[in-house]
Each structure stands twice: as C-alpha cells, then as structure tokens.
C-alpha cells in the first residue's frame, strides 16, 4: 500500500497556486512529516500540531478522501 506522503507527491508542482499543490509542496519541504504513514489519525494529529503551513484541515481531509478512493 502506498503511503499518504507518496500519494500526495503526485500533486506537487513548484509555482502552483492551488491549495492541494501548495499543501504537497510544503509537506515535501517538511522533513519531519511521517512519510511512511497510512493512518489518518497519525497524519491528522501531526498536521494539527506541526502543519502551520496548512491553512485549514479541510484541505487534508479532501486529499485524504482522494487517497482512500485510489487505494
């Protein structure tokens, strides 16, 4: 099973202005992000405590739904 991080990286585009690409770009630069995780609770908790680059959690929830559909 592909990790959430691995899934999210397909949305990474430097210079993009949409919320999901910005989220992916920031996660890419976050060296502490739990890159191997596939667990919503772990990722959500991490982002709530450390994801100051994420303007709101609905962006994460939206990408998480896409992740679930693909896996």
C-alpha atoms as a PDB file:
ATOM      1  CA  UNK A   1       0.000   0.000   0.000  1.00  0.00           C
ATOM      2  CA  UNK A   2       1.285   3.435  -0.967  1.00  0.00           C
ATOM      3  CA  UNK A   3       1.837   5.869   1.905  1.00  0.00           C
ATOM      4  CA  UNK A   4      -0.165   9.081   2.055  1.00  0.00           C
ATOM      5  CA  UNK A   5       3.046  11.051   1.502  1.00  0.00           C
ATOM      6  CA  UNK A   6       3.820   9.091  -1.666  1.00  0.00           C
ATOM      7  CA  UNK A   7       0.260   9.681  -2.924  1.00  0.00           C
ATOM      8  CA  UNK A   8       0.400  13.404  -2.085  1.00  0.00           C
ATOM      9  CA  UNK A   9       3.635  13.925  -4.011  1.00  0.00           C
ATOM     10  CA  UNK A  10       1.830  13.487  -7.325  1.00  0.00           C
ATOM     11  CA  UNK A  11       0.165  16.863  -6.626  1.00  0.00           C
ATOM     12  CA  UNK A  12       3.493  18.641  -6.072  1.00  0.00           C
ATOM     13  CA  UNK A  13       4.142  21.375  -8.626  1.00  0.00           C
ATOM     14  CA  UNK A  14       6.501  24.215  -7.789  1.00  0.00           C
ATOM     15  CA  UNK A  15       4.900  27.554  -8.535  1.00  0.00           C
ATOM     16  CA  UNK A  16       1.353  26.161  -8.432  1.00  0.00           C
ATOM     17  CA  UNK A  17      -1.223  28.250  -6.636  1.00  0.00           C
ATOM     18  CA  UNK A  18      -3.970  25.730  -5.821  1.00  0.00           C
ATOM     19  CA  UNK A  19      -4.398  24.569  -2.209  1.00  0.00           C
ATOM     20  CA  UNK A  20      -3.563  20.914  -2.805  1.00  0.00           C
ATOM     21  CA  UNK A  21      -0.342  21.663  -4.690  1.00  0.00           C
ATOM     22  CA  UNK A  22       0.687  24.155  -2.003  1.00  0.00           C
ATOM     23  CA  UNK A  23      -0.004  21.503   0.643  1.00  0.00           C
ATOM     24  CA  UNK A  24       2.064  18.923  -1.283  1.00  0.00           C
ATOM     25  CA  UNK A  25       4.936  21.371  -1.791  1.00  0.00           C
ATOM     26  CA  UNK A  26       5.009  22.234   1.912  1.00  0.00           C
ATOM     27  CA  UNK A  27       4.858  18.600   3.006  1.00  0.00           C
ATOM     28  CA  UNK A  28       7.771  17.877   0.651  1.00  0.00           C
ATOM     29  CA  UNK A  29       9.819  20.533   2.478  1.00  0.00           C
ATOM     30  CA  UNK A  30       8.727  19.259   5.933  1.00  0.00           C
ATOM     31  CA  UNK A  31      11.489  16.806   6.828  1.00  0.00           C
ATOM     32  CA  UNK A  32       9.629  15.635   9.949  1.00  0.00           C
ATOM     33  CA  UNK A  33       6.420  14.658   8.135  1.00  0.00           C
ATOM     34  CA  UNK A  34       5.562  10.962   8.780  1.00  0.00           C
ATOM     35  CA  UNK A  35       6.383   9.845   5.233  1.00  0.00           C
ATOM     36  CA  UNK A  36       5.576   6.161   5.667  1.00  0.00           C
ATOM     37  CA  UNK A  37       2.214   6.588   7.408  1.00  0.00           C
ATOM     38  CA  UNK A  38      -1.064   5.294   6.029  1.00  0.00           C
ATOM     39  CA  UNK A  39      -3.087   6.202   9.147  1.00  0.00           C
ATOM     40  CA  UNK A  40      -5.492   9.140   9.204  1.00  0.00           C
ATOM     41  CA  UNK A  41      -5.221   9.715  12.968  1.00  0.00           C
ATOM     42  CA  UNK A  42      -1.431   9.852  12.963  1.00  0.00           C
ATOM     43  CA  UNK A  43      -1.303  12.227  10.000  1.00  0.00           C
ATOM     44  CA  UNK A  44      -4.130  14.423  11.253  1.00  0.00           C
ATOM     45  CA  UNK A  45      -2.537  14.740  14.686  1.00  0.00           C
ATOM     46  CA  UNK A  46       0.836  15.590  13.159  1.00  0.00           C
ATOM     47  CA  UNK A  47      -0.651  18.283  10.933  1.00  0.00           C
ATOM     48  CA  UNK A  48      -2.703  19.800  13.750  1.00  0.00           C
ATOM     49  CA  UNK A  49       0.433  20.147  15.869  1.00  0.00           C
ATOM     50  CA  UNK A  50       3.062  20.878  13.217  1.00  0.00           C
ATOM     51  CA  UNK A  51       1.346  21.843   9.978  1.00  0.00           C
ATOM     52  CA  UNK A  52       1.419  25.602  10.315  1.00  0.00           C
ATOM     53  CA  UNK A  53       1.745  25.673   6.515  1.00  0.00           C
ATOM     54  CA  UNK A  54      -1.747  24.166   6.181  1.00  0.00           C
ATOM     55  CA  UNK A  55      -4.377  26.957   6.331  1.00  0.00           C
ATOM     56  CA  UNK A  56      -7.150  24.531   7.354  1.00  0.00           C
ATOM     57  CA  UNK A  57      -7.659  20.816   7.851  1.00  0.00           C
ATOM     58  CA  UNK A  58     -10.344  20.569   5.163  1.00  0.00           C
ATOM     59  CA  UNK A  59      -7.528  20.545   2.591  1.00  0.00           C
ATOM     60  CA  UNK A  60      -6.016  17.478   4.248  1.00  0.00           C
ATOM     61  CA  UNK A  61      -9.451  15.838   4.515  1.00  0.00           C
ATOM     62  CA  UNK A  62     -10.088  16.444   0.828  1.00  0.00           C
ATOM     63  CA  UNK A  63      -6.793  14.850  -0.207  1.00  0.00           C
ATOM     64  CA  UNK A  64      -7.357  12.007   2.266  1.00  0.00           C
ATOM     65  CA  UNK A  65     -10.660  11.189   0.511  1.00  0.00           C
ATOM     66  CA  UNK A  66      -8.832  11.059  -2.849  1.00  0.00           C
ATOM     67  CA  UNK A  67      -6.220   8.793  -1.243  1.00  0.00           C
ATOM     68  CA  UNK A  68      -8.878   6.384   0.023  1.00  0.00           C
ATOM     69  CA  UNK A  69     -10.532   6.225  -3.377  1.00  0.00           C
ATOM     70  CA  UNK A  70      -7.237   5.437  -5.116  1.00  0.00           C
ATOM     71  CA  UNK A  71      -6.071   2.780  -2.688  1.00  0.00           C
END
